[in-house]
């Protein structure tokens, strides 16, 4: 399975040409392929935003001090608990035992 690098990661690594190609391939699925101006404008905004985000690193304690980050952590924690609470892991791990006991 191939998972391409995200444009944000490529931009952080100063791989600008690859960044634009990756960004363009992501955006052509949701924007008209002929609308190159919109793609260029969004890429330019991303190009400005990433270095600005890199200036202000977020230490671990900020995830609990800053309300926006705290809210995101809380939502992520709830999603993780909901995923664990569904019991899919227990069902998936016990299926091999059920299949080995069946006479199929």
N, C-alpha and C. Protein backbone atom coordinates (compact mmCIF):
# COMPACT_ATOMS: atom_id res chain seq x y z
N UNK A 1 0.85 -1.18 0.00
CA UNK A 1 0.00 0.00 0.00
C UNK A 1 0.89 1.24 0.00
N UNK A 2 0.58 2.19 -0.84
CA UNK A 2 1.36 3.40 -0.96
C UNK A 2 0.59 4.57 -0.35
N UNK A 3 1.23 5.26 0.56
CA UNK A 3 0.65 6.45 1.17
C UNK A 3 1.57 7.62 0.82
N UNK A 4 1.09 8.56 0.02
CA UNK A 4 1.96 9.67 -0.38
C UNK A 4 2.23 10.63 0.78
N UNK A 5 3.34 11.33 0.69
CA UNK A 5 3.66 12.34 1.69
C UNK A 5 2.68 13.50 1.58
N UNK A 6 2.37 14.10 2.72
CA UNK A 6 1.44 15.22 2.70
C UNK A 6 2.18 16.47 2.24
N UNK A 7 1.47 17.39 1.61
CA UNK A 7 2.11 18.63 1.19
C UNK A 7 2.71 19.41 2.36
N UNK A 8 2.07 19.34 3.51
CA UNK A 8 2.57 20.05 4.69
C UNK A 8 3.93 19.49 5.13
N UNK A 9 4.07 18.17 5.13
CA UNK A 9 5.33 17.54 5.51
C UNK A 9 6.42 17.89 4.50
N UNK A 10 6.10 17.81 3.22
CA UNK A 10 7.09 18.14 2.19
C UNK A 10 7.52 19.60 2.30
N UNK A 11 6.60 20.47 2.64
CA UNK A 11 6.93 21.88 2.79
C UNK A 11 7.84 22.11 3.98
N UNK A 12 7.62 21.37 5.07
CA UNK A 12 8.50 21.48 6.24
C UNK A 12 9.91 21.00 5.93
N UNK A 13 10.02 20.10 4.96
CA UNK A 13 11.33 19.57 4.57
C UNK A 13 11.96 20.36 3.43
N UNK A 14 11.36 21.49 3.08
CA UNK A 14 11.84 22.39 2.01
C UNK A 14 11.92 21.69 0.65
N UNK A 15 11.00 20.81 0.38
CA UNK A 15 10.92 20.12 -0.91
C UNK A 15 9.77 20.75 -1.69
N UNK A 16 10.01 21.98 -2.18
CA UNK A 16 8.95 22.82 -2.71
C UNK A 16 8.32 22.28 -4.00
N UNK A 17 9.13 21.75 -4.90
CA UNK A 17 8.58 21.26 -6.16
C UNK A 17 7.67 20.05 -5.93
N UNK A 18 8.12 19.14 -5.07
CA UNK A 18 7.30 17.98 -4.73
C UNK A 18 6.05 18.40 -3.96
N UNK A 19 6.20 19.45 -3.16
CA UNK A 19 5.07 19.95 -2.38
C UNK A 19 3.95 20.40 -3.30
N UNK A 20 4.31 21.17 -4.31
CA UNK A 20 3.27 21.67 -5.21
C UNK A 20 2.61 20.53 -5.98
N UNK A 21 3.39 19.55 -6.41
CA UNK A 21 2.80 18.41 -7.13
C UNK A 21 1.84 17.63 -6.23
N UNK A 22 2.26 17.41 -4.98
CA UNK A 22 1.39 16.68 -4.04
C UNK A 22 0.14 17.49 -3.73
N UNK A 23 0.30 18.80 -3.55
CA UNK A 23 -0.84 19.66 -3.25
C UNK A 23 -1.79 19.69 -4.44
N UNK A 24 -1.23 19.77 -5.62
CA UNK A 24 -2.05 19.81 -6.83
C UNK A 24 -2.82 18.50 -7.02
N UNK A 25 -2.18 17.38 -6.73
CA UNK A 25 -2.88 16.10 -6.89
C UNK A 25 -4.01 15.96 -5.86
N UNK A 26 -3.82 16.53 -4.67
CA UNK A 26 -4.89 16.50 -3.66
C UNK A 26 -6.05 17.40 -4.06
N UNK A 27 -5.73 18.56 -4.56
CA UNK A 27 -6.76 19.56 -4.84
C UNK A 27 -7.52 19.29 -6.13
N UNK A 28 -6.92 18.59 -7.09
CA UNK A 28 -7.63 18.38 -8.35
C UNK A 28 -8.83 17.48 -8.19
N UNK A 29 -8.92 16.77 -7.09
CA UNK A 29 -10.09 15.92 -6.87
C UNK A 29 -11.30 16.73 -6.40
N UNK A 30 -11.04 17.88 -5.77
CA UNK A 30 -12.16 18.65 -5.23
C UNK A 30 -12.38 19.98 -5.94
N UNK A 31 -11.41 20.42 -6.71
CA UNK A 31 -11.52 21.68 -7.44
C UNK A 31 -11.44 21.36 -8.92
N UNK A 32 -12.09 22.18 -9.72
CA UNK A 32 -12.01 22.00 -11.17
C UNK A 32 -10.55 22.04 -11.62
N UNK A 33 -10.14 21.06 -12.41
CA UNK A 33 -8.74 20.95 -12.82
C UNK A 33 -8.27 22.18 -13.59
N UNK A 34 -9.19 22.86 -14.23
CA UNK A 34 -8.80 24.03 -15.01
C UNK A 34 -8.64 25.27 -14.15
N UNK A 35 -9.07 25.22 -12.92
CA UNK A 35 -8.98 26.38 -12.03
C UNK A 35 -7.62 26.42 -11.34
N UNK A 36 -6.58 26.66 -12.11
CA UNK A 36 -5.22 26.68 -11.59
C UNK A 36 -4.98 27.86 -10.66
N UNK A 37 -5.72 28.95 -10.86
CA UNK A 37 -5.54 30.12 -10.00
C UNK A 37 -5.93 29.81 -8.55
N UNK A 38 -7.02 29.08 -8.37
CA UNK A 38 -7.45 28.72 -7.01
C UNK A 38 -6.44 27.79 -6.36
N UNK A 39 -5.90 26.84 -7.13
CA UNK A 39 -4.90 25.92 -6.61
C UNK A 39 -3.64 26.68 -6.23
N UNK A 40 -3.20 27.60 -7.09
CA UNK A 40 -2.01 28.41 -6.80
C UNK A 40 -2.21 29.25 -5.55
N UNK A 41 -3.39 29.84 -5.41
CA UNK A 41 -3.66 30.69 -4.25
C UNK A 41 -3.66 29.88 -2.95
N UNK A 42 -4.28 28.71 -2.97
CA UNK A 42 -4.28 27.87 -1.77
C UNK A 42 -2.89 27.39 -1.43
N UNK A 43 -2.11 27.05 -2.45
CA UNK A 43 -0.73 26.62 -2.21
C UNK A 43 0.08 27.76 -1.60
N UNK A 44 -0.14 28.96 -2.09
CA UNK A 44 0.57 30.13 -1.55
C UNK A 44 0.19 30.35 -0.08
N UNK A 45 -1.08 30.20 0.25
CA UNK A 45 -1.50 30.35 1.64
C UNK A 45 -0.88 29.28 2.53
N UNK A 46 -0.82 28.05 2.03
CA UNK A 46 -0.17 26.97 2.78
C UNK A 46 1.31 27.28 2.96
N UNK A 47 1.92 27.80 1.91
CA UNK A 47 3.35 28.14 1.95
C UNK A 47 3.62 29.22 3.00
N UNK A 48 2.69 30.12 3.21
CA UNK A 48 2.84 31.16 4.24
C UNK A 48 2.51 30.63 5.63
N UNK A 49 1.56 29.73 5.72
CA UNK A 49 1.07 29.27 7.01
C UNK A 49 2.04 28.34 7.73
N UNK A 50 2.69 27.44 7.01
CA UNK A 50 3.55 26.43 7.65
C UNK A 50 4.72 27.07 8.39
N UNK A 51 5.49 27.99 7.79
CA UNK A 51 6.58 28.60 8.58
C UNK A 51 6.07 29.37 9.80
N UNK A 52 4.89 29.96 9.68
CA UNK A 52 4.30 30.68 10.81
C UNK A 52 3.98 29.73 11.95
N UNK A 53 3.48 28.54 11.61
CA UNK A 53 3.18 27.54 12.64
C UNK A 53 4.45 26.99 13.27
N UNK A 54 5.52 26.92 12.51
CA UNK A 54 6.77 26.38 13.02
C UNK A 54 7.44 27.34 14.02
N UNK A 55 7.11 28.62 13.95
CA UNK A 55 7.69 29.60 14.87
C UNK A 55 7.22 29.39 16.30
N UNK A 56 6.00 28.91 16.46
CA UNK A 56 5.40 28.77 17.78
C UNK A 56 5.21 27.30 18.11
N UNK A 57 6.27 26.63 18.60
CA UNK A 57 6.10 25.22 18.94
C UNK A 57 5.18 25.06 20.14
N UNK A 58 4.45 23.97 20.17
CA UNK A 58 3.50 23.73 21.25
C UNK A 58 4.04 22.63 22.16
N UNK A 59 4.58 23.01 23.33
CA UNK A 59 5.01 21.98 24.27
C UNK A 59 3.80 21.20 24.80
N UNK A 60 4.06 20.08 25.38
CA UNK A 60 2.99 19.19 25.83
C UNK A 60 2.04 19.88 26.81
N UNK A 61 2.55 20.72 27.68
CA UNK A 61 1.71 21.38 28.68
C UNK A 61 0.70 22.34 28.02
N UNK A 62 1.07 22.86 26.83
CA UNK A 62 0.15 23.77 26.13
C UNK A 62 -1.12 23.06 25.68
N UNK A 63 -1.06 21.75 25.49
CA UNK A 63 -2.25 21.02 25.09
C UNK A 63 -3.32 21.04 26.18
N UNK A 64 -2.93 21.35 27.39
CA UNK A 64 -3.89 21.42 28.48
C UNK A 64 -4.15 22.86 28.93
N UNK A 65 -3.23 23.77 28.63
CA UNK A 65 -3.42 25.17 29.01
C UNK A 65 -4.26 25.94 27.99
N UNK A 66 -4.01 25.72 26.72
CA UNK A 66 -4.70 26.47 25.67
C UNK A 66 -6.06 25.83 25.39
N UNK A 67 -7.13 26.62 25.46
CA UNK A 67 -8.48 26.05 25.31
C UNK A 67 -8.71 25.35 23.96
N UNK A 68 -8.18 25.90 22.87
CA UNK A 68 -8.42 25.26 21.57
C UNK A 68 -7.73 23.90 21.49
N UNK A 69 -6.49 23.83 21.98
CA UNK A 69 -5.77 22.56 21.95
C UNK A 69 -6.37 21.57 22.94
N UNK A 70 -6.83 22.07 24.08
CA UNK A 70 -7.46 21.20 25.07
C UNK A 70 -8.73 20.56 24.50
N UNK A 71 -9.50 21.35 23.79
CA UNK A 71 -10.73 20.85 23.18
C UNK A 71 -10.41 19.76 22.14
N UNK A 72 -9.39 19.99 21.33
CA UNK A 72 -9.01 19.00 20.32
C UNK A 72 -8.52 17.71 20.96
N UNK A 73 -7.74 17.83 22.03
CA UNK A 73 -7.26 16.63 22.74
C UNK A 73 -8.43 15.86 23.34
N UNK A 74 -9.38 16.58 23.89
CA UNK A 74 -10.55 15.94 24.49
C UNK A 74 -11.36 15.18 23.44
N UNK A 75 -11.55 15.80 22.29
CA UNK A 75 -12.30 15.14 21.21
C UNK A 75 -11.54 13.91 20.72
N UNK A 76 -10.22 14.03 20.58
CA UNK A 76 -9.41 12.88 20.14
C UNK A 76 -9.48 11.75 21.16
N UNK A 77 -9.46 12.10 22.43
CA UNK A 77 -9.56 11.09 23.49
C UNK A 77 -10.91 10.39 23.45
N UNK A 78 -11.98 11.16 23.24
CA UNK A 78 -13.32 10.56 23.15
C UNK A 78 -13.44 9.62 21.95
N UNK A 79 -12.87 10.03 20.83
CA UNK A 79 -12.91 9.18 19.64
C UNK A 79 -12.14 7.89 19.89
N UNK A 80 -10.98 8.01 20.54
CA UNK A 80 -10.19 6.82 20.85
C UNK A 80 -10.96 5.88 21.78
N UNK A 81 -11.59 6.43 22.81
CA UNK A 81 -12.37 5.61 23.74
C UNK A 81 -13.56 4.97 23.04
N UNK A 82 -14.20 5.71 22.16
CA UNK A 82 -15.34 5.15 21.42
C UNK A 82 -14.89 4.01 20.52
N UNK A 83 -13.74 4.16 19.90
CA UNK A 83 -13.23 3.09 19.04
C UNK A 83 -12.89 1.85 19.85
N UNK A 84 -12.30 2.05 21.01
CA UNK A 84 -11.98 0.91 21.87
C UNK A 84 -13.24 0.29 22.47
N UNK A 85 -14.23 1.12 22.72
CA UNK A 85 -15.46 0.64 23.34
C UNK A 85 -16.35 -0.17 22.42
N UNK A 86 -16.09 -0.12 21.14
CA UNK A 86 -16.93 -0.90 20.22
C UNK A 86 -16.66 -2.38 20.31
N UNK A 87 -15.50 -2.74 20.81
CA UNK A 87 -15.18 -4.15 20.98
C UNK A 87 -14.68 -4.84 19.74
N UNK A 88 -14.34 -4.08 18.72
CA UNK A 88 -13.89 -4.72 17.48
C UNK A 88 -12.59 -5.48 17.67
N UNK A 89 -11.73 -5.00 18.54
CA UNK A 89 -10.47 -5.71 18.77
C UNK A 89 -10.72 -7.07 19.41
N UNK A 90 -11.63 -7.11 20.38
CA UNK A 90 -11.94 -8.39 21.03
C UNK A 90 -12.60 -9.35 20.05
N UNK A 91 -13.49 -8.85 19.23
CA UNK A 91 -14.16 -9.70 18.24
C UNK A 91 -13.15 -10.21 17.22
N UNK A 92 -12.32 -9.31 16.74
CA UNK A 92 -11.35 -9.69 15.72
C UNK A 92 -10.35 -10.72 16.24
N UNK A 93 -9.91 -10.57 17.47
CA UNK A 93 -8.92 -11.50 18.01
C UNK A 93 -9.53 -12.85 18.37
N UNK A 94 -10.83 -12.89 18.63
CA UNK A 94 -11.45 -14.17 19.00
C UNK A 94 -11.99 -14.94 17.79
N UNK A 95 -12.02 -14.32 16.62
CA UNK A 95 -12.52 -15.02 15.44
C UNK A 95 -11.66 -16.21 15.06
N UNK A 96 -10.36 -16.13 15.25
CA UNK A 96 -9.51 -17.27 14.90
C UNK A 96 -9.87 -18.49 15.76
N UNK A 97 -10.22 -18.25 17.00
CA UNK A 97 -10.63 -19.35 17.88
C UNK A 97 -11.95 -19.96 17.41
N UNK A 98 -12.89 -19.12 16.98
CA UNK A 98 -14.16 -19.62 16.49
C UNK A 98 -13.99 -20.42 15.20
N UNK A 99 -13.15 -19.91 14.31
CA UNK A 99 -12.93 -20.60 13.04
C UNK A 99 -12.21 -21.94 13.25
N UNK A 100 -11.29 -21.99 14.19
CA UNK A 100 -10.56 -23.25 14.42
C UNK A 100 -11.48 -24.32 15.02
N UNK A 101 -12.49 -23.92 15.74
CA UNK A 101 -13.42 -24.88 16.35
C UNK A 101 -14.52 -25.32 15.39
N UNK A 102 -14.74 -24.55 14.35
CA UNK A 102 -15.80 -24.92 13.41
C UNK A 102 -15.30 -26.03 12.48
N UNK A 103 -16.22 -26.76 11.92
CA UNK A 103 -15.86 -27.87 11.04
C UNK A 103 -16.02 -27.50 9.57
N UNK A 104 -15.80 -26.26 9.25
CA UNK A 104 -15.96 -25.81 7.86
C UNK A 104 -14.73 -26.08 7.04
